[in-house]
Amino acid sequence: MEIHEIRRYRRALRQFQRIARVQLNNCCCGVTLPQCLVLLEIDEHGHMTMGQLSSNLKLDLSTLSRTVDNLVAKKFVARLRDEGDRRLVWIRLTEDGVSTCNEIHKVNDENCLNIFNNIPQSERDSMIRNFEALIQAYLDHETSIEEG
């Protein structure tokens, strides 16, 4: 790969990061972006331990604990001790948390639909597959650094 192609990719990635950050900040329905990401991760998995959540979001436990504390205070998530292993703490959404996630999904789905309407139908599927392949390449690279 040529250096100019790498720089072109990096420039496009920076632009995408800025656009995505603005969109995410505007679509979190009254919670902060970190809180939004935590809510959506829990929503996707149903319930999780703090360790699982930390691993999935690539956040250290102290940072994550503060975010979860704020979500508990807002009554969006609840902490539950594992009855079999009292050291484990499970995190789950409350009714208010589910309602907030549903609103976040609704707003973001509408925004994505508007964006996708600007992409020809024939290109949408390949664009999503390419984006997923790019994400996998980043994850594979991250894993190789951790192992190396």
C-alpha atoms as a PDB file:
ATOM      1  CA  MET A   1       0.000   0.000   0.000  1.00  0.00           C
ATOM      2  CA  GLU A   2       1.328   3.442  -0.909  1.00  0.00           C
ATOM      3  CA  ILE A   3       1.885   6.115   1.745  1.00  0.00           C
ATOM      4  CA  HIS A   4      -0.539   8.488   0.007  1.00  0.00           C
ATOM      5  CA  GLU A   5      -3.257   5.809   0.261  1.00  0.00           C
ATOM      6  CA  ILE A   6      -2.547   5.366   3.960  1.00  0.00           C
ATOM      7  CA  ARG A   7      -2.728   9.121   4.533  1.00  0.00           C
ATOM      8  CA  ARG A   8      -5.958   9.336   2.519  1.00  0.00           C
ATOM      9  CA  TYR A   9      -7.432   6.556   4.671  1.00  0.00           C
ATOM     10  CA  ARG A  10      -6.281   8.246   7.896  1.00  0.00           C
ATOM     11  CA  ARG A  11      -7.788  11.578   6.790  1.00  0.00           C
ATOM     12  CA  ALA A  12     -11.107   9.874   5.977  1.00  0.00           C
ATOM     13  CA  LEU A  13     -11.023   8.051   9.329  1.00  0.00           C
ATOM     14  CA  ARG A  14     -10.482  11.324  11.228  1.00  0.00           C
ATOM     15  CA  GLN A  15     -13.401  12.916   9.390  1.00  0.00           C
ATOM     16  CA  PHE A  16     -15.599   9.931  10.152  1.00  0.00           C
ATOM     17  CA  GLN A  17     -14.602   9.998  13.838  1.00  0.00           C
ATOM     18  CA  ARG A  18     -15.523  13.686  14.128  1.00  0.00           C
ATOM     19  CA  ILE A  19     -18.864  13.181  12.384  1.00  0.00           C
ATOM     20  CA  ALA A  20     -19.689  10.051  14.418  1.00  0.00           C
ATOM     21  CA  ARG A  21     -18.743  11.759  17.708  1.00  0.00           C
ATOM     22  CA  VAL A  22     -21.061  14.688  16.982  1.00  0.00           C
ATOM     23  CA  GLN A  23     -23.889  12.392  15.931  1.00  0.00           C
ATOM     24  CA  LEU A  24     -23.489  10.192  19.000  1.00  0.00           C
ATOM     25  CA  ASN A  25     -23.376  13.171  21.347  1.00  0.00           C
ATOM     26  CA  ASN A  26     -26.574  14.516  19.785  1.00  0.00           C
ATOM     27  CA  CYS A  27     -28.428  11.195  19.901  1.00  0.00           C
ATOM     28  CA  CYS A  28     -27.985  10.084  23.494  1.00  0.00           C
ATOM     29  CA  CYS A  29     -31.370  11.323  24.727  1.00  0.00           C
ATOM     30  CA  GLY A  30     -30.246  13.127  27.864  1.00  0.00           C
ATOM     31  CA  VAL A  31     -27.368  10.908  28.961  1.00  0.00           C
ATOM     32  CA  THR A  32     -23.664  11.397  28.326  1.00  0.00           C
ATOM     33  CA  LEU A  33     -21.945   9.527  25.519  1.00  0.00           C
ATOM     34  CA  PRO A  34     -20.163   7.122  27.930  1.00  0.00           C
ATOM     35  CA  GLN A  35     -23.492   6.465  29.693  1.00  0.00           C
ATOM     36  CA  CYS A  36     -25.159   5.911  26.321  1.00  0.00           C
ATOM     37  CA  LEU A  37     -22.526   3.366  25.299  1.00  0.00           C
ATOM     38  CA  VAL A  38     -22.913   1.501  28.597  1.00  0.00           C
ATOM     39  CA  LEU A  39     -26.703   1.441  28.296  1.00  0.00           C
ATOM     40  CA  LEU A  40     -26.576   0.131  24.735  1.00  0.00           C
ATOM     41  CA  GLU A  41     -24.031  -2.550  25.623  1.00  0.00           C
ATOM     42  CA  ILE A  42     -26.192  -3.801  28.501  1.00  0.00           C
ATOM     43  CA  ASP A  43     -29.263  -3.606  26.271  1.00  0.00           C
ATOM     44  CA  GLU A  44     -27.547  -5.793  23.674  1.00  0.00           C
ATOM     45  CA  HIS A  45     -26.579  -8.485  26.192  1.00  0.00           C
ATOM     46  CA  GLY A  46     -29.485  -8.341  28.648  1.00  0.00           C
ATOM     47  CA  HIS A  47     -27.311  -8.277  31.746  1.00  0.00           C
ATOM     48  CA  MET A  48     -23.564  -8.339  32.322  1.00  0.00           C
ATOM     49  CA  THR A  49     -20.950  -8.376  35.025  1.00  0.00           C
ATOM     50  CA  MET A  50     -18.826  -5.284  35.502  1.00  0.00           C
ATOM     51  CA  GLY A  51     -15.858  -7.302  34.207  1.00  0.00           C
ATOM     52  CA  GLN A  52     -17.686  -8.261  31.014  1.00  0.00           C
ATOM     53  CA  LEU A  53     -18.812  -4.685  30.491  1.00  0.00           C
ATOM     54  CA  SER A  54     -15.280  -3.404  31.082  1.00  0.00           C
ATOM     55  CA  SER A  55     -13.856  -5.890  28.597  1.00  0.00           C
ATOM     56  CA  ASN A  56     -16.467  -5.204  25.922  1.00  0.00           C
ATOM     57  CA  LEU A  57     -16.131  -1.429  26.135  1.00  0.00           C
ATOM     58  CA  LYS A  58     -12.334  -1.457  26.647  1.00  0.00           C
ATOM     59  CA  LEU A  59     -12.686   0.708  29.765  1.00  0.00           C
ATOM     60  CA  ASP A  60     -10.903   0.271  33.068  1.00  0.00           C
ATOM     61  CA  LEU A  61     -13.113  -0.687  36.000  1.00  0.00           C
ATOM     62  CA  SER A  62     -12.675   2.610  37.878  1.00  0.00           C
ATOM     63  CA  THR A  63     -13.852   4.668  34.908  1.00  0.00           C
ATOM     64  CA  LEU A  64     -16.698   2.263  34.241  1.00  0.00           C
ATOM     65  CA  SER A  65     -17.739   2.207  37.912  1.00  0.00           C
ATOM     66  CA  ARG A  66     -18.232   5.981  37.932  1.00  0.00           C
ATOM     67  CA  THR A  67     -20.342   5.793  34.797  1.00  0.00           C
ATOM     68  CA  VAL A  68     -22.429   2.926  36.180  1.00  0.00           C
ATOM     69  CA  ASP A  69     -22.788   4.767  39.526  1.00  0.00           C
ATOM     70  CA  ASN A  70     -24.297   7.718  37.656  1.00  0.00           C
ATOM     71  CA  LEU A  71     -26.664   5.404  35.774  1.00  0.00           C
ATOM     72  CA  VAL A  72     -27.710   3.753  39.051  1.00  0.00           C
ATOM     73  CA  ALA A  73     -28.363   7.209  40.526  1.00  0.00           C
ATOM     74  CA  LYS A  74     -30.560   8.020  37.505  1.00  0.00           C
ATOM     75  CA  LYS A  75     -32.338   4.678  38.031  1.00  0.00           C
ATOM     76  CA  PHE A  76     -31.409   3.472  34.528  1.00  0.00           C
ATOM     77  CA  VAL A  77     -29.447   0.430  35.719  1.00  0.00           C
ATOM     78  CA  ALA A  78     -29.469  -1.786  38.780  1.00  0.00           C
ATOM     79  CA  ARG A  79     -26.643  -3.743  40.374  1.00  0.00           C
ATOM     80  CA  LEU A  80     -27.417  -7.256  41.550  1.00  0.00           C
ATOM     81  CA  ARG A  81     -25.117  -9.537  43.567  1.00  0.00           C
ATOM     82  CA  ASP A  82     -24.721 -13.032  42.166  1.00  0.00           C
ATOM     83  CA  GLU A  83     -26.312 -15.460  44.613  1.00  0.00           C
ATOM     84  CA  GLY A  84     -23.818 -18.210  43.781  1.00  0.00           C
ATOM     85  CA  ASP A  85     -20.723 -15.990  43.908  1.00  0.00           C
ATOM     86  CA  ARG A  86     -21.118 -12.875  46.049  1.00  0.00           C
ATOM     87  CA  ARG A  87     -18.003 -11.350  44.437  1.00  0.00           C
ATOM     88  CA  LEU A  88     -19.838 -11.029  41.117  1.00  0.00           C
ATOM     89  CA  VAL A  89     -22.021  -7.994  40.499  1.00  0.00           C
ATOM     90  CA  TRP A  90     -24.462  -8.133  37.606  1.00  0.00           C
ATOM     91  CA  ILE A  91     -25.655  -4.992  35.876  1.00  0.00           C
ATOM     92  CA  ARG A  92     -29.076  -4.885  34.219  1.00  0.00           C
ATOM     93  CA  LEU A  93     -31.338  -2.204  32.811  1.00  0.00           C
ATOM     94  CA  THR A  94     -34.302  -0.977  34.810  1.00  0.00           C
ATOM     95  CA  GLU A  95     -37.615  -0.090  33.166  1.00  0.00           C
ATOM     96  CA  ASP A  96     -36.392   3.515  32.832  1.00  0.00           C
ATOM     97  CA  GLY A  97     -33.145   2.224  31.316  1.00  0.00           C
ATOM     98  CA  VAL A  98     -35.031   0.113  28.782  1.00  0.00           C
ATOM     99  CA  SER A  99     -37.198   3.113  27.912  1.00  0.00           C
ATOM    100  CA  THR A 100     -34.117   5.320  27.448  1.00  0.00           C
ATOM    101  CA  CYS A 101     -32.443   2.675  25.258  1.00  0.00           C
ATOM    102  CA  ASN A 102     -35.574   2.419  23.145  1.00  0.00           C
ATOM    103  CA  GLU A 103     -35.524   6.193  22.649  1.00  0.00           C
ATOM    104  CA  ILE A 104     -31.793   6.139  21.801  1.00  0.00           C
ATOM    105  CA  HIS A 105     -32.437   3.365  19.262  1.00  0.00           C
ATOM    106  CA  LYS A 106     -35.367   5.263  17.746  1.00  0.00           C
ATOM    107  CA  VAL A 107     -33.407   8.514  17.320  1.00  0.00           C
ATOM    108  CA  ASN A 108     -30.314   6.757  15.976  1.00  0.00           C
ATOM    109  CA  ASP A 109     -32.309   4.490  13.640  1.00  0.00           C
ATOM    110  CA  GLU A 110     -33.999   7.567  12.157  1.00  0.00           C
ATOM    111  CA  ASN A 111     -30.638   9.326  11.720  1.00  0.00           C
ATOM    112  CA  CYS A 112     -29.081   6.272  10.075  1.00  0.00           C
ATOM    113  CA  LEU A 113     -32.077   5.869   7.787  1.00  0.00           C
ATOM    114  CA  ASN A 114     -31.639   9.475   6.662  1.00  0.00           C
ATOM    115  CA  ILE A 115     -27.949   8.838   6.028  1.00  0.00           C
ATOM    116  CA  PHE A 116     -28.605   5.585   4.166  1.00  0.00           C
ATOM    117  CA  ASN A 117     -31.135   7.363   1.953  1.00  0.00           C
ATOM    118  CA  ASN A 118     -28.127   9.262   0.534  1.00  0.00           C
ATOM    119  CA  ILE A 119     -26.388   6.010  -0.430  1.00  0.00           C
ATOM    120  CA  PRO A 120     -27.572   4.094  -3.490  1.00  0.00           C
ATOM    121  CA  GLN A 121     -29.490   0.948  -2.523  1.00  0.00           C
ATOM    122  CA  SER A 122     -27.117  -1.194  -4.577  1.00  0.00           C
ATOM    123  CA  GLU A 123     -24.120  -0.053  -2.474  1.00  0.00           C
ATOM    124  CA  ARG A 124     -25.541  -0.312   1.046  1.00  0.00           C
ATOM    125  CA  ASP A 125     -24.915  -3.992   1.733  1.00  0.00           C
ATOM    126  CA  SER A 126     -21.326  -3.938   0.481  1.00  0.00           C
ATOM    127  CA  MET A 127     -20.671  -0.750   2.452  1.00  0.00           C
ATOM    128  CA  ILE A 128     -21.854  -2.411   5.671  1.00  0.00           C
ATOM    129  CA  ARG A 129     -19.817  -5.570   4.944  1.00  0.00           C
ATOM    130  CA  ASN A 130     -16.713  -3.450   4.273  1.00  0.00           C
ATOM    131  CA  PHE A 131     -17.274  -1.477   7.470  1.00  0.00           C
ATOM    132  CA  GLU A 132     -17.617  -4.731   9.437  1.00  0.00           C
ATOM    133  CA  ALA A 133     -14.405  -6.029   7.807  1.00  0.00           C
ATOM    134  CA  LEU A 134     -12.601  -2.826   8.785  1.00  0.00           C
ATOM    135  CA  ILE A 135     -13.766  -3.189  12.385  1.00  0.00           C
ATOM    136  CA  GLN A 136     -12.625  -6.826  12.433  1.00  0.00           C
ATOM    137  CA  ALA A 137      -9.206  -5.804  11.083  1.00  0.00           C
ATOM    138  CA  TYR A 138      -8.870  -3.294  13.931  1.00  0.00           C
ATOM    139  CA  LEU A 139      -9.926  -5.918  16.490  1.00  0.00           C
ATOM    140  CA  ASP A 140      -7.474  -8.450  15.060  1.00  0.00           C
ATOM    141  CA  HIS A 141      -4.691  -5.871  15.177  1.00  0.00           C
ATOM    142  CA  GLU A 142      -5.579  -4.970  18.762  1.00  0.00           C
ATOM    143  CA  THR A 143      -5.473  -8.653  19.738  1.00  0.00           C
ATOM    144  CA  SER A 144      -2.100  -9.155  18.093  1.00  0.00           C
ATOM    145  CA  ILE A 145      -0.672  -6.186  20.028  1.00  0.00           C
ATOM    146  CA  GLU A 146      -2.057  -7.526  23.319  1.00  0.00           C
ATOM    147  CA  GLU A 147      -0.583 -10.969  22.628  1.00  0.00           C
ATOM    148  CA  GLY A 148       2.728  -9.709  21.275  1.00  0.00           C
END
